[in-house]
């Protein structure tokens, strides 16, 4: 018996399977056969969907949002790092160390 390679399912597929399990129109065995996924995996996805459902309607989704990123600060940092890289590349090139470092 050969093992099947590990599969990574998309979030949309997981949601589709979990919703089908919540509807209860088919048994777990039927869903497992239909979607070619183990019944335990369907049970786990259903539980995750039910746990996360409260965040959709509650204030938890707003509180968990990542803080806004200051693009100007990031661009300034990119410029600073670019200057440092250019300076080091020139210094290493003059010292003759750049060619040996890339090998």
Protein backbone atom coordinates (compact mmCIF):
# COMPACT_ATOMS: atom_id res chain seq x y z
CA UNK A 1 0.00 0.00 0.00
CA UNK A 2 1.56 3.27 -1.06
CA UNK A 3 1.18 6.44 0.95
CA UNK A 4 -0.48 9.43 -0.61
CA UNK A 5 1.64 12.61 -0.54
CA UNK A 6 0.62 15.23 1.99
CA UNK A 7 -2.05 17.56 0.63
CA UNK A 8 -2.61 21.19 1.53
CA UNK A 9 -6.23 22.24 1.20
CA UNK A 10 -7.25 25.82 0.54
CA UNK A 11 -9.27 27.72 3.14
CA UNK A 12 -12.18 27.88 0.69
CA UNK A 13 -12.22 24.07 0.36
CA UNK A 14 -12.04 23.64 4.14
CA UNK A 15 -14.96 26.04 4.60
CA UNK A 16 -17.00 24.24 1.95
CA UNK A 17 -16.47 20.87 3.63
CA UNK A 18 -17.12 22.25 7.13
CA UNK A 19 -20.35 23.93 6.03
CA UNK A 20 -21.50 20.69 4.41
CA UNK A 21 -20.80 18.91 7.71
CA UNK A 22 -22.74 21.54 9.70
CA UNK A 23 -25.75 21.23 7.38
CA UNK A 24 -26.00 17.56 8.33
CA UNK A 25 -27.58 16.48 5.04
CA UNK A 26 -24.99 13.70 4.68
CA UNK A 27 -23.12 11.56 7.17
CA UNK A 28 -19.44 12.09 7.89
CA UNK A 29 -18.64 8.91 5.97
CA UNK A 30 -20.50 10.19 2.90
CA UNK A 31 -18.78 13.58 3.11
CA UNK A 32 -15.40 11.92 3.56
CA UNK A 33 -15.96 9.88 0.42
CA UNK A 34 -17.36 12.83 -1.55
CA UNK A 35 -14.50 15.22 -0.70
CA UNK A 36 -11.78 12.53 -0.42
CA UNK A 37 -10.87 13.64 3.10
CA UNK A 38 -10.74 11.65 6.33
CA UNK A 39 -13.81 11.94 8.58
CA UNK A 40 -11.67 13.09 11.53
CA UNK A 41 -10.37 15.96 9.40
CA UNK A 42 -13.92 17.03 8.57
CA UNK A 43 -14.81 16.98 12.27
CA UNK A 44 -11.78 19.14 13.07
CA UNK A 45 -12.60 21.69 10.33
CA UNK A 46 -16.23 21.83 11.51
CA UNK A 47 -15.07 22.58 15.05
CA UNK A 48 -12.71 25.30 13.85
CA UNK A 49 -15.50 26.90 11.83
CA UNK A 50 -17.89 26.87 14.79
CA UNK A 51 -15.23 28.32 17.12
CA UNK A 52 -14.41 31.12 14.68
CA UNK A 53 -18.02 31.94 13.83
CA UNK A 54 -18.44 34.25 16.83
CA UNK A 55 -15.63 36.48 15.58
CA UNK A 56 -17.63 37.20 12.42
CA UNK A 57 -20.49 38.82 14.32
CA UNK A 58 -18.67 40.10 17.39
CA UNK A 59 -16.26 42.93 18.06
CA UNK A 60 -13.41 40.44 18.23
CA UNK A 61 -12.68 40.83 14.53
CA UNK A 62 -12.11 44.55 14.93
CA UNK A 63 -9.94 44.16 18.02
CA UNK A 64 -7.73 41.51 16.42
CA UNK A 65 -6.99 43.60 13.35
CA UNK A 66 -3.31 44.37 12.88
CA UNK A 67 -2.24 47.97 13.54
CA UNK A 68 -1.88 50.21 10.52
CA UNK A 69 1.58 50.15 8.96
CA UNK A 70 3.31 53.47 8.37
CA UNK A 71 4.44 53.22 4.75
CA UNK A 72 6.69 56.29 4.99
CA UNK A 73 8.71 54.73 7.79
CA UNK A 74 9.07 51.50 5.83
CA UNK A 75 10.20 53.35 2.68
CA UNK A 76 12.74 55.31 4.74
CA UNK A 77 14.10 52.05 6.19
CA UNK A 78 14.33 50.49 2.71
CA UNK A 79 16.28 53.52 1.49
CA UNK A 80 18.61 53.35 4.48
CA UNK A 81 19.31 49.66 3.95
CA UNK A 82 19.84 50.17 0.21
CA UNK A 83 22.45 52.86 0.91
CA UNK A 84 24.21 50.60 3.39
CA UNK A 85 24.26 47.71 0.91
CA UNK A 86 25.59 49.93 -1.88
CA UNK A 87 28.32 51.31 0.40
CA UNK A 88 29.38 47.83 1.55
CA UNK A 89 29.35 46.50 -2.01
CA UNK A 90 31.65 49.33 -3.11
CA UNK A 91 33.98 48.87 -0.14
CA UNK A 92 34.22 45.12 -0.64
CA UNK A 93 34.77 45.58 -4.37
CA UNK A 94 37.66 47.98 -3.77
CA UNK A 95 39.18 45.63 -1.21
CA UNK A 96 38.92 42.74 -3.66
CA UNK A 97 36.75 40.71 -1.32
CA UNK A 98 33.48 40.92 -3.26
CA UNK A 99 34.50 38.42 -5.96
CA UNK A 100 35.58 35.82 -3.38
CA UNK A 101 32.47 36.36 -1.24
CA UNK A 102 30.09 35.50 -4.10
CA UNK A 103 31.77 32.15 -4.90
